[in-house]
Amino acid sequence: MFHAAVPTVDAASVPAEGPLLDVREQDEWEAGHVEGALHIPMGQVVARISELPDERLYVLCRVGGRSAQVVQYLVAQGREAVNVDGGMYAWDAAGRPMVSGSGGEAFVL
């Protein structure tokens, strides 16, 4: 079965105002996430697709695997979505800002 290439961008190139979708689980989100990102765990994306803005979405997970699957699904639904290569690890390594759910030090779980 042929799969089209997943549109991908590196973490340093994601526009600051770009709408972000974080598809990690709740404990990962609490540890550290991008402020203002929309959090919908991967397993809930299909049921909650109506909550997504109708514009290009930058999709994040921990390393890029889950987000790539979500991007494939969204593109198949006619949505414009881009996988953030390397996920939150790459985001953190690029020095992009993160916040934690507890108000403590943000980190990638």
PDB file of N, CA and C in Angstrom:
ATOM      1  N   MET A   1       0.850  -1.192   0.000  1.00  0.00           N
ATOM      2  CA  MET A   1       0.000   0.000   0.000  1.00  0.00           C
ATOM      3  C   MET A   1       0.884   1.239   0.000  1.00  0.00           C
ATOM      4  N   PHE A   2       0.582   2.180  -0.853  1.00  0.00           N
ATOM      5  CA  PHE A   2       1.393   3.388  -0.983  1.00  0.00           C
ATOM      6  C   PHE A   2       0.898   4.482  -0.038  1.00  0.00           C
ATOM      7  N   HIS A   3       1.817   5.077   0.693  1.00  0.00           N
ATOM      8  CA  HIS A   3       1.484   6.216   1.557  1.00  0.00           C
ATOM      9  C   HIS A   3       2.224   7.438   1.034  1.00  0.00           C
ATOM     10  N   ALA A   4       1.505   8.512   0.852  1.00  0.00           N
ATOM     11  CA  ALA A   4       2.146   9.750   0.423  1.00  0.00           C
ATOM     12  C   ALA A   4       3.112  10.208   1.513  1.00  0.00           C
ATOM     13  N   ALA A   5       4.133  10.914   1.108  1.00  0.00           N
ATOM     14  CA  ALA A   5       5.083  11.448   2.081  1.00  0.00           C
ATOM     15  C   ALA A   5       4.342  12.382   3.043  1.00  0.00           C
ATOM     16  N   VAL A   6       4.726  12.323   4.299  1.00  0.00           N
ATOM     17  CA  VAL A   6       4.103  13.165   5.321  1.00  0.00           C
ATOM     18  C   VAL A   6       4.754  14.544   5.268  1.00  0.00           C
ATOM     19  N   PRO A   7       3.957  15.614   5.104  1.00  0.00           N
ATOM     20  CA  PRO A   7       4.548  16.958   5.130  1.00  0.00           C
ATOM     21  C   PRO A   7       5.236  17.179   6.481  1.00  0.00           C
ATOM     22  N   THR A   8       6.477  17.638   6.434  1.00  0.00           N
ATOM     23  CA  THR A   8       7.288  17.746   7.650  1.00  0.00           C
ATOM     24  C   THR A   8       8.017  19.078   7.694  1.00  0.00           C
ATOM     25  N   VAL A   9       8.215  19.587   8.917  1.00  0.00           N
ATOM     26  CA  VAL A   9       8.984  20.809   9.134  1.00  0.00           C
ATOM     27  C   VAL A   9       9.857  20.584  10.366  1.00  0.00           C
ATOM     28  N   ASP A  10      11.030  21.215  10.409  1.00  0.00           N
ATOM     29  CA  ASP A  10      11.835  21.076  11.620  1.00  0.00           C
ATOM     30  C   ASP A  10      11.336  22.063  12.672  1.00  0.00           C
ATOM     31  N   ALA A  11      11.568  21.718  13.937  1.00  0.00           N
ATOM     32  CA  ALA A  11      11.019  22.482  15.063  1.00  0.00           C
ATOM     33  C   ALA A  11      11.407  23.959  15.024  1.00  0.00           C
ATOM     34  N   ALA A  12      12.634  24.253  14.608  1.00  0.00           N
ATOM     35  CA  ALA A  12      13.093  25.644  14.585  1.00  0.00           C
ATOM     36  C   ALA A  12      12.345  26.484  13.559  1.00  0.00           C
ATOM     37  N   SER A  13      11.714  25.832  12.563  1.00  0.00           N
ATOM     38  CA  SER A  13      11.029  26.554  11.486  1.00  0.00           C
ATOM     39  C   SER A  13       9.532  26.742  11.704  1.00  0.00           C
ATOM     40  N   VAL A  14       8.995  26.212  12.790  1.00  0.00           N
ATOM     41  CA  VAL A  14       7.563  26.375  13.059  1.00  0.00           C
ATOM     42  C   VAL A  14       7.308  27.830  13.432  1.00  0.00           C
ATOM     43  N   PRO A  15       6.378  28.506  12.727  1.00  0.00           N
ATOM     44  CA  PRO A  15       6.106  29.904  13.068  1.00  0.00           C
ATOM     45  C   PRO A  15       5.556  30.036  14.489  1.00  0.00           C
ATOM     46  N   ALA A  16       5.983  31.067  15.190  1.00  0.00           N
ATOM     47  CA  ALA A  16       5.568  31.268  16.580  1.00  0.00           C
ATOM     48  C   ALA A  16       4.045  31.326  16.712  1.00  0.00           C
ATOM     49  N   GLU A  17       3.372  31.867  15.695  1.00  0.00           N
ATOM     50  CA  GLU A  17       1.919  31.998  15.765  1.00  0.00           C
ATOM     51  C   GLU A  17       1.193  30.824  15.123  1.00  0.00           C
ATOM     52  N   GLY A  18       1.969  29.847  14.608  1.00  0.00           N
ATOM     53  CA  GLY A  18       1.346  28.701  13.939  1.00  0.00           C
ATOM     54  C   GLY A  18       0.524  27.882  14.911  1.00  0.00           C
ATOM     55  N   PRO A  19      -0.702  27.488  14.536  1.00  0.00           N
ATOM     56  CA  PRO A  19      -1.488  26.667  15.458  1.00  0.00           C
ATOM     57  C   PRO A  19      -0.841  25.289  15.625  1.00  0.00           C
ATOM     58  N   LEU A  20      -0.609  24.914  16.891  1.00  0.00           N
ATOM     59  CA  LEU A  20       0.038  23.653  17.218  1.00  0.00           C
ATOM     60  C   LEU A  20      -0.968  22.682  17.811  1.00  0.00           C
ATOM     61  N   LEU A  21      -0.875  21.426  17.393  1.00  0.00           N
ATOM     62  CA  LEU A  21      -1.677  20.349  17.955  1.00  0.00           C
ATOM     63  C   LEU A  21      -0.720  19.361  18.593  1.00  0.00           C
ATOM     64  N   ASP A  22      -0.855  19.156  19.901  1.00  0.00           N
ATOM     65  CA  ASP A  22      -0.015  18.214  20.639  1.00  0.00           C
ATOM     66  C   ASP A  22      -0.840  16.949  20.857  1.00  0.00           C
ATOM     67  N   VAL A  23      -0.366  15.815  20.319  1.00  0.00           N
ATOM     68  CA  VAL A  23      -1.149  14.575  20.366  1.00  0.00           C
ATOM     69  C   VAL A  23      -0.612  13.581  21.410  1.00  0.00           C
ATOM     70  N   ARG A  24       0.223  14.068  22.341  1.00  0.00           N
ATOM     71  CA  ARG A  24       0.764  13.194  23.389  1.00  0.00           C
ATOM     72  C   ARG A  24      -0.289  12.946  24.480  1.00  0.00           C
ATOM     73  N   GLU A  25       0.035  12.018  25.373  1.00  0.00           N
ATOM     74  CA  GLU A  25      -0.866  11.695  26.473  1.00  0.00           C
ATOM     75  C   GLU A  25      -0.803  12.775  27.559  1.00  0.00           C
ATOM     76  N   GLN A  26      -1.777  12.740  28.486  1.00  0.00           N
ATOM     77  CA  GLN A  26      -1.903  13.780  29.510  1.00  0.00           C
ATOM     78  C   GLN A  26      -0.633  13.939  30.360  1.00  0.00           C
ATOM     79  N   ASP A  27       0.005  12.831  30.773  1.00  0.00           N
ATOM     80  CA  ASP A  27       1.197  12.954  31.622  1.00  0.00           C
ATOM     81  C   ASP A  27       2.349  13.610  30.867  1.00  0.00           C
ATOM     82  N   GLU A  28       2.460  13.331  29.567  1.00  0.00           N
ATOM     83  CA  GLU A  28       3.498  13.964  28.748  1.00  0.00           C
ATOM     84  C   GLU A  28       3.235  15.463  28.627  1.00  0.00           C
ATOM     85  N   TRP A  29       1.952  15.818  28.421  1.00  0.00           N
ATOM     86  CA  TRP A  29       1.532  17.218  28.300  1.00  0.00           C
ATOM     87  C   TRP A  29       1.843  17.978  29.586  1.00  0.00           C
ATOM     88  N   GLU A  30       1.505  17.371  30.730  1.00  0.00           N
ATOM     89  CA  GLU A  30       1.735  18.023  32.028  1.00  0.00           C
ATOM     90  C   GLU A  30       3.214  18.313  32.259  1.00  0.00           C
ATOM     91  N   ALA A  31       4.093  17.393  31.832  1.00  0.00           N
ATOM     92  CA  ALA A  31       5.535  17.552  32.052  1.00  0.00           C
ATOM     93  C   ALA A  31       6.074  18.777  31.325  1.00  0.00           C
ATOM     94  N   GLY A  32       5.628  18.979  30.086  1.00  0.00           N
ATOM     95  CA  GLY A  32       6.093  20.128  29.322  1.00  0.00           C
ATOM     96  C   GLY A  32       5.411  20.181  27.976  1.00  0.00           C
ATOM     97  N   HIS A  33       4.917  21.373  27.624  1.00  0.00           N
ATOM     98  CA  HIS A  33       4.254  21.558  26.334  1.00  0.00           C
ATOM     99  C   HIS A  33       4.452  22.984  25.849  1.00  0.00           C
ATOM    100  N   VAL A  34       4.050  23.226  24.620  1.00  0.00           N
ATOM    101  CA  VAL A  34       4.148  24.557  24.043  1.00  0.00           C
ATOM    102  C   VAL A  34       2.938  25.359  24.505  1.00  0.00           C
ATOM    103  N   GLU A  35       3.203  26.524  25.088  1.00  0.00           N
ATOM    104  CA  GLU A  35       2.109  27.370  25.556  1.00  0.00           C
ATOM    105  C   GLU A  35       1.193  27.734  24.388  1.00  0.00           C
ATOM    106  N   GLY A  36      -0.104  27.581  24.601  1.00  0.00           N
ATOM    107  CA  GLY A  36      -1.073  27.922  23.572  1.00  0.00           C
ATOM    108  C   GLY A  36      -1.402  26.782  22.612  1.00  0.00           C
ATOM    109  N   ALA A  37      -0.676  25.659  22.723  1.00  0.00           N
ATOM    110  CA  ALA A  37      -0.956  24.514  21.850  1.00  0.00           C
ATOM    111  C   ALA A  37      -2.289  23.886  22.232  1.00  0.00           C
ATOM    112  N   LEU A  38      -2.940  23.293  21.253  1.00  0.00           N
ATOM    113  CA  LEU A  38      -4.165  22.539  21.492  1.00  0.00           C
ATOM    114  C   LEU A  38      -3.750  21.115  21.846  1.00  0.00           C
ATOM    115  N   HIS A  39      -4.282  20.585  22.940  1.00  0.00           N
ATOM    116  CA  HIS A  39      -3.913  19.238  23.371  1.00  0.00           C
ATOM    117  C   HIS A  39      -5.066  18.273  23.131  1.00  0.00           C
ATOM    118  N   ILE A  40      -4.873  17.364  22.173  1.00  0.00           N
ATOM    119  CA  ILE A  40      -5.827  16.282  21.926  1.00  0.00           C
ATOM    120  C   ILE A  40      -4.998  15.012  21.757  1.00  0.00           C
ATOM    121  N   PRO A  41      -5.029  14.099  22.748  1.00  0.00           N
ATOM    122  CA  PRO A  41      -4.264  12.859  22.611  1.00  0.00           C
ATOM    123  C   PRO A  41      -4.620  12.131  21.313  1.00  0.00           C
ATOM    124  N   MET A  42      -3.617  11.443  20.740  1.00  0.00           N
ATOM    125  CA  MET A  42      -3.776  10.795  19.447  1.00  0.00           C
ATOM    126  C   MET A  42      -5.056   9.962  19.354  1.00  0.00           C
ATOM    127  N   GLY A  43      -5.366   9.221  20.397  1.00  0.00           N
ATOM    128  CA  GLY A  43      -6.535   8.351  20.381  1.00  0.00           C
ATOM    129  C   GLY A  43      -7.870   9.079  20.347  1.00  0.00           C
ATOM    130  N   GLN A  44      -7.848  10.406  20.567  1.00  0.00           N
ATOM    131  CA  GLN A  44      -9.082  11.194  20.580  1.00  0.00           C
ATOM    132  C   GLN A  44      -9.244  12.084  19.351  1.00  0.00           C
ATOM    133  N   VAL A  45      -8.234  12.131  18.481  1.00  0.00           N
ATOM    134  CA  VAL A  45      -8.254  13.060  17.347  1.00  0.00           C
ATOM    135  C   VAL A  45      -9.457  12.830  16.437  1.00  0.00           C
ATOM    136  N   VAL A  46      -9.756  11.571  16.109  1.00  0.00           N
ATOM    137  CA  VAL A  46     -10.869  11.287  15.197  1.00  0.00           C
ATOM    138  C   VAL A  46     -12.180  11.825  15.773  1.00  0.00           C
ATOM    139  N   ALA A  47     -12.426  11.562  17.058  1.00  0.00           N
ATOM    140  CA  ALA A  47     -13.672  11.997  17.697  1.00  0.00           C
ATOM    141  C   ALA A  47     -13.741  13.509  17.886  1.00  0.00           C
ATOM    142  N   ARG A  48     -12.586  14.162  17.978  1.00  0.00           N
ATOM    143  CA  ARG A  48     -12.552  15.595  18.296  1.00  0.00           C
ATOM    144  C   ARG A  48     -12.085  16.464  17.134  1.00  0.00           C
ATOM    145  N   ILE A  49     -12.116  15.926  15.910  1.00  0.00           N
ATOM    146  CA  ILE A  49     -11.593  16.658  14.751  1.00  0.00           C
ATOM    147  C   ILE A  49     -12.298  18.006  14.564  1.00  0.00           C
ATOM    148  N   SER A  50     -13.542  18.100  14.990  1.00  0.00           N
ATOM    149  CA  SER A  50     -14.282  19.369  14.839  1.00  0.00           C
ATOM    150  C   SER A  50     -13.689  20.486  15.702  1.00  0.00           C
ATOM    151  N   GLU A  51     -12.865  20.146  16.688  1.00  0.00           N
ATOM    152  CA  GLU A  51     -12.245  21.159  17.555  1.00  0.00           C
ATOM    153  C   GLU A  51     -11.020  21.804  16.906  1.00  0.00           C
ATOM    154  N   LEU A  52     -10.549  21.231  15.802  1.00  0.00           N
ATOM    155  CA  LEU A  52      -9.333  21.742  15.173  1.00  0.00           C
ATOM    156  C   LEU A  52      -9.627  22.969  14.319  1.00  0.00           C
ATOM    157  N   PRO A  53      -8.750  23.969  14.368  1.00  0.00           N
ATOM    158  CA  PRO A  53      -8.940  25.145  13.506  1.00  0.00           C
ATOM    159  C   PRO A  53      -8.791  24.766  12.044  1.00  0.00           C
ATOM    160  N   ASP A  54      -9.493  25.474  11.187  1.00  0.00           N
ATOM    161  CA  ASP A  54      -9.466  25.175   9.751  1.00  0.00           C
ATOM    162  C   ASP A  54      -8.350  25.969   9.084  1.00  0.00           C
ATOM    163  N   GLU A  55      -7.125  25.640   9.448  1.00  0.00           N
ATOM    164  CA  GLU A  55      -5.927  26.279   8.879  1.00  0.00           C
ATOM    165  C   GLU A  55      -4.781  25.285   9.038  1.00  0.00           C
ATOM    166  N   ARG A  56      -3.614  25.634   8.501  1.00  0.00           N
ATOM    167  CA  ARG A  56      -2.464  24.722   8.601  1.00  0.00           C
ATOM    168  C   ARG A  56      -2.144  24.465  10.073  1.00  0.00           C
ATOM    169  N   LEU A  57      -2.086  23.182  10.417  1.00  0.00           N
ATOM    170  CA  LEU A  57      -1.782  22.764  11.786  1.00  0.00           C
ATOM    171  C   LEU A  57      -0.388  22.166  11.840  1.00  0.00           C
ATOM    172  N   TYR A  58       0.353  22.504  12.873  1.00  0.00           N
ATOM    173  CA  TYR A  58       1.655  21.904  13.126  1.00  0.00           C
ATOM    174  C   TYR A  58       1.441  20.885  14.240  1.00  0.00           C
ATOM    175  N   VAL A  59       1.713  19.602  13.938  1.00  0.00           N
ATOM    176  CA  VAL A  59       1.381  18.517  14.858  1.00  0.00           C
ATOM    177  C   VAL A  59       2.637  17.987  15.539  1.00  0.00           C
ATOM    178  N   LEU A  60       2.569  17.885  16.875  1.00  0.00           N
ATOM    179  CA  LEU A  60       3.699  17.492  17.715  1.00  0.00           C
ATOM    180  C   LEU A  60       3.378  16.260  18.551  1.00  0.00           C
ATOM    181  N   CYS A  61       4.381  15.404  18.764  1.00  0.00           N
ATOM    182  CA  CYS A  61       4.319  14.382  19.806  1.00  0.00           C
ATOM    183  C   CYS A  61       5.704  14.377  20.457  1.00  0.00           C
ATOM    184  N   ARG A  62       6.135  13.252  21.018  1.00  0.00           N
ATOM    185  CA  ARG A  62       7.446  13.238  21.675  1.00  0.00           C
ATOM    186  C   ARG A  62       8.587  13.246  20.669  1.00  0.00           C
ATOM    187  N   VAL A  63       8.557  12.308  19.690  1.00  0.00           N
ATOM    188  CA  VAL A  63       9.659  12.221  18.725  1.00  0.00           C
ATOM    189  C   VAL A  63       9.221  12.331  17.269  1.00  0.00           C
ATOM    190  N   GLY A  64       7.934  12.313  16.988  1.00  0.00           N
ATOM    191  CA  GLY A  64       7.459  12.498  15.620  1.00  0.00           C
ATOM    192  C   GLY A  64       6.692  11.334  15.017  1.00  0.00           C
ATOM    193  N   GLY A  65       6.624  10.198  15.706  1.00  0.00           N
ATOM    194  CA  GLY A  65       5.928   9.030  15.169  1.00  0.00           C
ATOM    195  C   GLY A  65       4.415   9.151  15.211  1.00  0.00           C
ATOM    196  N   ARG A  66       3.885   9.447  16.397  1.00  0.00           N
ATOM    197  CA  ARG A  66       2.430   9.592  16.536  1.00  0.00           C
ATOM    198  C   ARG A  66       1.925  10.776  15.726  1.00  0.00           C
ATOM    199  N   SER A  67       2.663  11.875  15.774  1.00  0.00           N
ATOM    200  CA  SER A  67       2.214  13.064  15.037  1.00  0.00           C
ATOM    201  C   SER A  67       2.217  12.800  13.533  1.00  0.00           C
ATOM    202  N   ALA A  68       3.167  12.001  13.035  1.00  0.00           N
ATOM    203  CA  ALA A  68       3.182  11.668  11.604  1.00  0.00           C
ATOM    204  C   ALA A  68       1.915  10.909  11.223  1.00  0.00           C
ATOM    205  N   GLN A  69       1.479   9.990  12.087  1.00  0.00           N
ATOM    206  CA  GLN A  69       0.250   9.242  11.821  1.00  0.00           C
ATOM    207  C   GLN A  69      -0.966  10.167  11.815  1.00  0.00           C
ATOM    208  N   VAL A  70      -1.004  11.110  12.757  1.00  0.00           N
ATOM    209  CA  VAL A  70      -2.117  12.059  12.824  1.00  0.00           C
ATOM    210  C   VAL A  70      -2.112  12.957  11.591  1.00  0.00           C
ATOM    211  N   VAL A  71      -0.926  13.409  11.165  1.00  0.00           N
ATOM    212  CA  VAL A  71      -0.839  14.244   9.958  1.00  0.00           C
ATOM    213  C   VAL A  71      -1.363  13.465   8.752  1.00  0.00           C
ATOM    214  N   GLN A  72      -0.982  12.192   8.607  1.00  0.00           N
ATOM    215  CA  GLN A  72      -1.489  11.377   7.499  1.00  0.00           C
ATOM    216  C   GLN A  72      -3.009  11.328   7.527  1.00  0.00           C
ATOM    217  N   TYR A  73      -3.578  11.121   8.711  1.00  0.00           N
ATOM    218  CA  TYR A  73      -5.034  11.065   8.852  1.00  0.00           C
ATOM    219  C   TYR A  73      -5.667  12.404   8.462  1.00  0.00           C
ATOM    220  N   LEU A  74      -5.126  13.512   9.001  1.00  0.00           N
ATOM    221  CA  LEU A  74      -5.704  14.839   8.734  1.00  0.00           C
ATOM    222  C   LEU A  74      -5.623  15.186   7.248  1.00  0.00           C
ATOM    223  N   VAL A  75      -4.486  14.896   6.614  1.00  0.00           N
ATOM    224  CA  VAL A  75      -4.327  15.166   5.181  1.00  0.00           C
ATOM    225  C   VAL A  75      -5.356  14.352   4.388  1.00  0.00           C
ATOM    226  N   ALA A  76      -5.578  13.098   4.806  1.00  0.00           N
ATOM    227  CA  ALA A  76      -6.571  12.253   4.139  1.00  0.00           C
ATOM    228  C   ALA A  76      -7.991  12.821   4.285  1.00  0.00           C
ATOM    229  N   GLN A  77      -8.198  13.608   5.349  1.00  0.00           N
ATOM    230  CA  GLN A  77      -9.497  14.247   5.568  1.00  0.00           C
ATOM    231  C   GLN A  77      -9.600  15.599   4.851  1.00  0.00           C
ATOM    232  N   GLY A  78      -8.553  15.939   4.091  1.00  0.00           N
ATOM    233  CA  GLY A  78      -8.559  17.205   3.367  1.00  0.00           C
ATOM    234  C   GLY A  78      -8.075  18.388   4.181  1.00  0.00           C
ATOM    235  N   ARG A  79      -7.471  18.121   5.339  1.00  0.00           N
ATOM    236  CA  ARG A  79      -6.963  19.197   6.189  1.00  0.00           C
ATOM    237  C   ARG A  79      -5.501  19.458   5.853  1.00  0.00           C
ATOM    238  N   GLU A  80      -5.047  20.670   6.135  1.00  0.00           N
ATOM    239  CA  GLU A  80      -3.643  21.010   5.930  1.00  0.00           C
ATOM    240  C   GLU A  80      -2.918  20.809   7.255  1.00  0.00           C
ATOM    241  N   ALA A  81      -2.005  19.838   7.298  1.00  0.00           N
ATOM    242  CA  ALA A  81      -1.291  19.513   8.530  1.00  0.00           C
ATOM    243  C   ALA A  81       0.159  19.188   8.208  1.00  0.00           C
ATOM    244  N   VAL A  82       1.039  19.537   9.149  1.00  0.00           N
ATOM    245  CA  VAL A  82       2.477  19.350   8.975  1.00  0.00           C
ATOM    246  C   VAL A  82       3.033  18.703  10.239  1.00  0.00           C
ATOM    247  N   ASN A  83       3.843  17.654  10.064  1.00  0.00           N
ATOM    248  CA  ASN A  83       4.481  16.992  11.199  1.00  0.00           C
ATOM    249  C   ASN A  83       5.715  17.778  11.630  1.00  0.00           C
ATOM    250  N   VAL A  84       5.857  17.997  12.943  1.00  0.00           N
ATOM    251  CA  VAL A  84       7.063  18.642  13.462  1.00  0.00           C
ATOM    252  C   VAL A  84       8.107  17.551  13.681  1.00  0.00           C
ATOM    253  N   ASP A  85       9.126  17.523  12.810  1.00  0.00           N
ATOM    254  CA  ASP A  85      10.152  16.486  12.809  1.00  0.00           C
ATOM    255  C   ASP A  85      10.902  16.467  14.136  1.00  0.00           C
ATOM    256  N   GLY A  86      10.966  15.296  14.754  1.00  0.00           N
ATOM    257  CA  GLY A  86      11.690  15.176  16.023  1.00  0.00           C
ATOM    258  C   GLY A  86      10.854  15.517  17.237  1.00  0.00           C
ATOM    259  N   GLY A  87       9.636  15.993  17.018  1.00  0.00           N
ATOM    260  CA  GLY A  87       8.697  16.243  18.112  1.00  0.00           C
ATOM    261  C   GLY A  87       9.191  17.206  19.176  1.00  0.00           C
ATOM    262  N   MET A  88       8.733  16.947  20.403  1.00  0.00           N
ATOM    263  CA  MET A  88       9.080  17.828  21.523  1.00  0.00           C
ATOM    264  C   MET A  88      10.562  17.768  21.870  1.00  0.00           C
ATOM    265  N   TYR A  89      11.216  16.631  21.604  1.00  0.00           N
ATOM    266  CA  TYR A  89      12.670  16.575  21.850  1.00  0.00           C
ATOM    267  C   TYR A  89      13.380  17.592  20.959  1.00  0.00           C
ATOM    268  N   ALA A  90      12.978  17.653  19.680  1.00  0.00           N
ATOM    269  CA  ALA A  90      13.598  18.610  18.762  1.00  0.00           C
ATOM    270  C   ALA A  90      13.208  20.038  19.124  1.00  0.00           C
ATOM    271  N   TRP A  91      11.959  20.229  19.560  1.00  0.00           N
ATOM    272  CA  TRP A  91      11.483  21.554  19.986  1.00  0.00           C
ATOM    273  C   TRP A  91      12.358  22.070  21.128  1.00  0.00           C
ATOM    274  N   ASP A  92      12.566  21.222  22.135  1.00  0.00           N
ATOM    275  CA  ASP A  92      13.388  21.577  23.287  1.00  0.00           C
ATOM    276  C   ASP A  92      14.834  21.829  22.863  1.00  0.00           C
ATOM    277  N   ALA A  93      15.375  20.950  22.014  1.00  0.00           N
ATOM    278  CA  ALA A  93      16.766  21.085  21.561  1.00  0.00           C
ATOM    279  C   ALA A  93      16.975  22.368  20.764  1.00  0.00           C
ATOM    280  N   ALA A  94      15.917  22.839  20.084  1.00  0.00           N
ATOM    281  CA  ALA A  94      16.009  24.072  19.297  1.00  0.00           C
ATOM    282  C   ALA A  94      15.874  25.314  20.176  1.00  0.00           C
ATOM    283  N   GLY A  95      15.676  25.085  21.486  1.00  0.00           N
ATOM    284  CA  GLY A  95      15.562  26.212  22.410  1.00  0.00           C
ATOM    285  C   GLY A  95      14.208  26.909  22.362  1.00  0.00           C
ATOM    286  N   ARG A  96      13.200  26.224  21.806  1.00  0.00           N
ATOM    287  CA  ARG A  96      11.865  26.817  21.742  1.00  0.00           C
ATOM    288  C   ARG A  96      11.224  26.745  23.131  1.00  0.00           C
ATOM    289  N   PRO A  97      10.386  27.729  23.487  1.00  0.00           N
ATOM    290  CA  PRO A  97       9.841  27.776  24.851  1.00  0.00           C
ATOM    291  C   PRO A  97       8.817  26.683  25.136  1.00  0.00           C
ATOM    292  N   MET A  98       8.840  26.226  26.396  1.00  0.00           N
ATOM    293  CA  MET A  98       7.879  25.236  26.893  1.00  0.00           C
ATOM    294  C   MET A  98       7.403  25.683  28.276  1.00  0.00           C
ATOM    295  N   VAL A  99       6.224  25.203  28.645  1.00  0.00           N
ATOM    296  CA  VAL A  99       5.691  25.424  29.988  1.00  0.00           C
ATOM    297  C   VAL A  99       5.257  24.056  30.530  1.00  0.00           C
ATOM    298  N   SER A 100       5.122  23.957  31.843  1.00  0.00           N
ATOM    299  CA  SER A 100       4.633  22.705  32.424  1.00  0.00           C
ATOM    300  C   SER A 100       3.232  22.932  32.983  1.00  0.00           C
ATOM    301  N   GLY A 101       2.493  21.850  33.148  1.00  0.00           N
ATOM    302  CA  GLY A 101       1.138  21.948  33.692  1.00  0.00           C
ATOM    303  C   GLY A 101       1.151  22.288  35.172  1.00  0.00           C
ATOM    304  N   SER A 102       2.251  21.982  35.862  1.00  0.00           N
ATOM    305  CA  SER A 102       2.330  22.204  37.302  1.00  0.00           C
ATOM    306  C   SER A 102       2.933  23.563  37.648  1.00  0.00           C
ATOM    307  N   GLY A 103       3.452  24.268  36.641  1.00  0.00           N
ATOM    308  CA  GLY A 103       4.117  25.537  36.918  1.00  0.00           C
ATOM    309  C   GLY A 103       5.589  25.346  37.271  1.00  0.00           C
ATOM    310  N   GLY A 104       6.037  24.088  37.365  1.00  0.00           N
ATOM    311  CA  GLY A 104       7.443  23.808  37.658  1.00  0.00           C
ATOM    312  C   GLY A 104       8.280  23.845  36.387  1.00  0.00           C
ATOM    313  N   GLU A 105       9.464  23.267  36.475  1.00  0.00           N
ATOM    314  CA  GLU A 105      10.374  23.207  35.328  1.00  0.00           C
ATOM    315  C   GLU A 105       9.764  22.310  34.238  1.00  0.00           C
ATOM    316  N   ALA A 106       9.668  22.831  33.019  1.00  0.00           N
ATOM    317  CA  ALA A 106       9.113  22.054  31.911  1.00  0.00           C
ATOM    318  C   ALA A 106      10.170  21.105  31.358  1.00  0.00           C
ATOM    319  N   PHE A 107       9.772  19.874  31.049  1.00  0.00           N
ATOM    320  CA  PHE A 107      10.677  18.916  30.425  1.00  0.00           C
ATOM    321  C   PHE A 107       9.884  17.988  29.541  1.00  0.00           C
ATOM    322  N   VAL A 108      10.580  17.280  28.658  1.00  0.00           N
ATOM    323  CA  VAL A 108       9.933  16.341  27.745  1.00  0.00           C
ATOM    324  C   VAL A 108       9.921  14.972  28.397  1.00  0.00           C
ATOM    325  N   LEU A 109       8.715  14.436  28.604  1.00  0.00           N
ATOM    326  CA  LEU A 109       8.574  13.114  29.231  1.00  0.00           C
ATOM    327  C   LEU A 109       8.551  12.055  28.150  1.00  0.00           C
TER     328      LEU A 109
END
